């Protein structure tokens, strides 16, 4: 049953790093900072610092995942 739920999950198989790289490629850091207002996108952004923050901060990760879904699905 859990496998069936994953089939319907558009984020299944996509890592947070993949999602973040796609968004940075599409929008750039500055534009992403307008959509998801978090310091790691606005102040000296880097993939490493953003991934560290997003892995620890559930609400921010959910916003990034929602932006990804709204952009690419």
C-alpha atoms as a PDB file:
ATOM      1  CA  UNK A   1       0.000   0.000   0.000  1.00  0.00           C
ATOM      2  CA  UNK A   2       2.845   2.407   0.795  1.00  0.00           C
ATOM      3  CA  UNK A   3       4.320   1.771  -2.668  1.00  0.00           C
ATOM      4  CA  UNK A   4       1.045   2.825  -4.283  1.00  0.00           C
ATOM      5  CA  UNK A   5       1.086   6.094  -2.332  1.00  0.00           C
ATOM      6  CA  UNK A   6       4.623   6.800  -3.573  1.00  0.00           C
ATOM      7  CA  UNK A   7       3.574   6.254  -7.192  1.00  0.00           C
ATOM      8  CA  UNK A   8       1.190   9.189  -6.804  1.00  0.00           C
ATOM      9  CA  UNK A   9       3.754  11.373  -5.034  1.00  0.00           C
ATOM     10  CA  UNK A  10       5.299  13.738  -7.638  1.00  0.00           C
ATOM     11  CA  UNK A  11       8.358  14.213  -5.400  1.00  0.00           C
ATOM     12  CA  UNK A  12       9.060  10.488  -5.123  1.00  0.00           C
ATOM     13  CA  UNK A  13      12.633   9.714  -6.143  1.00  0.00           C
ATOM     14  CA  UNK A  14      13.686  13.371  -6.155  1.00  0.00           C
ATOM     15  CA  UNK A  15      16.249  14.402  -3.573  1.00  0.00           C
ATOM     16  CA  UNK A  16      16.193  17.781  -1.892  1.00  0.00           C
ATOM     17  CA  UNK A  17      19.485  18.537  -3.628  1.00  0.00           C
ATOM     18  CA  UNK A  18      17.962  17.752  -7.046  1.00  0.00           C
ATOM     19  CA  UNK A  19      14.934  19.945  -6.305  1.00  0.00           C
ATOM     20  CA  UNK A  20      17.095  22.833  -5.122  1.00  0.00           C
ATOM     21  CA  UNK A  21      19.453  22.608  -8.121  1.00  0.00           C
ATOM     22  CA  UNK A  22      16.499  22.647 -10.538  1.00  0.00           C
ATOM     23  CA  UNK A  23      15.019  25.712  -8.852  1.00  0.00           C
ATOM     24  CA  UNK A  24      18.330  27.581  -8.792  1.00  0.00           C
ATOM     25  CA  UNK A  25      18.846  26.778 -12.470  1.00  0.00           C
ATOM     26  CA  UNK A  26      15.319  27.966 -13.308  1.00  0.00           C
ATOM     27  CA  UNK A  27      15.025  31.050 -11.067  1.00  0.00           C
ATOM     28  CA  UNK A  28      18.442  31.903  -9.654  1.00  0.00           C
ATOM     29  CA  UNK A  29      19.020  32.630  -5.974  1.00  0.00           C
ATOM     30  CA  UNK A  30      17.670  36.185  -5.987  1.00  0.00           C
ATOM     31  CA  UNK A  31      14.345  35.220  -7.553  1.00  0.00           C
ATOM     32  CA  UNK A  32      14.010  32.195  -5.262  1.00  0.00           C
ATOM     33  CA  UNK A  33      14.528  34.500  -2.292  1.00  0.00           C
ATOM     34  CA  UNK A  34      11.458  36.440  -3.424  1.00  0.00           C
ATOM     35  CA  UNK A  35       9.322  33.289  -3.480  1.00  0.00           C
ATOM     36  CA  UNK A  36      10.729  31.678  -0.337  1.00  0.00           C
ATOM     37  CA  UNK A  37      11.957  34.382   2.019  1.00  0.00           C
ATOM     38  CA  UNK A  38      14.748  32.658   3.897  1.00  0.00           C
ATOM     39  CA  UNK A  39      18.171  34.092   4.663  1.00  0.00           C
ATOM     40  CA  UNK A  40      20.114  31.264   3.030  1.00  0.00           C
ATOM     41  CA  UNK A  41      18.623  32.280  -0.337  1.00  0.00           C
ATOM     42  CA  UNK A  42      19.082  36.022   0.200  1.00  0.00           C
ATOM     43  CA  UNK A  43      22.436  36.429   1.978  1.00  0.00           C
ATOM     44  CA  UNK A  44      25.489  34.881   0.306  1.00  0.00           C
ATOM     45  CA  UNK A  45      23.559  31.825  -0.944  1.00  0.00           C
ATOM     46  CA  UNK A  46      25.179  28.482  -1.577  1.00  0.00           C
ATOM     47  CA  UNK A  47      23.879  25.025  -2.287  1.00  0.00           C
ATOM     48  CA  UNK A  48      25.595  23.593   0.800  1.00  0.00           C
ATOM     49  CA  UNK A  49      24.260  26.160   3.296  1.00  0.00           C
ATOM     50  CA  UNK A  50      20.763  26.015   1.807  1.00  0.00           C
ATOM     51  CA  UNK A  51      20.632  22.206   1.944  1.00  0.00           C
ATOM     52  CA  UNK A  52      21.834  22.238   5.560  1.00  0.00           C
ATOM     53  CA  UNK A  53      19.122  24.732   6.539  1.00  0.00           C
ATOM     54  CA  UNK A  54      16.341  23.049   4.571  1.00  0.00           C
ATOM     55  CA  UNK A  55      17.137  19.610   6.006  1.00  0.00           C
ATOM     56  CA  UNK A  56      16.739  21.015   9.529  1.00  0.00           C
ATOM     57  CA  UNK A  57      13.763  23.307   8.882  1.00  0.00           C
ATOM     58  CA  UNK A  58      10.581  21.514   7.905  1.00  0.00           C
ATOM     59  CA  UNK A  59       8.450  24.578   7.074  1.00  0.00           C
ATOM     60  CA  UNK A  60      11.113  25.970   4.725  1.00  0.00           C
ATOM     61  CA  UNK A  61      11.626  22.613   2.987  1.00  0.00           C
ATOM     62  CA  UNK A  62       7.874  22.348   2.407  1.00  0.00           C
ATOM     63  CA  UNK A  63       7.833  25.811   0.795  1.00  0.00           C
ATOM     64  CA  UNK A  64      10.715  24.852  -1.501  1.00  0.00           C
ATOM     65  CA  UNK A  65       8.985  21.585  -2.453  1.00  0.00           C
ATOM     66  CA  UNK A  66       5.753  23.495  -3.163  1.00  0.00           C
ATOM     67  CA  UNK A  67       7.636  25.975  -5.368  1.00  0.00           C
ATOM     68  CA  UNK A  68       9.184  23.057  -7.250  1.00  0.00           C
ATOM     69  CA  UNK A  69       5.784  21.428  -7.819  1.00  0.00           C
ATOM     70  CA  UNK A  70       4.193  24.717  -8.900  1.00  0.00           C
ATOM     71  CA  UNK A  71       7.078  25.362 -11.301  1.00  0.00           C
ATOM     72  CA  UNK A  72       7.624  21.976 -12.910  1.00  0.00           C
ATOM     73  CA  UNK A  73       4.317  20.100 -12.599  1.00  0.00           C
END
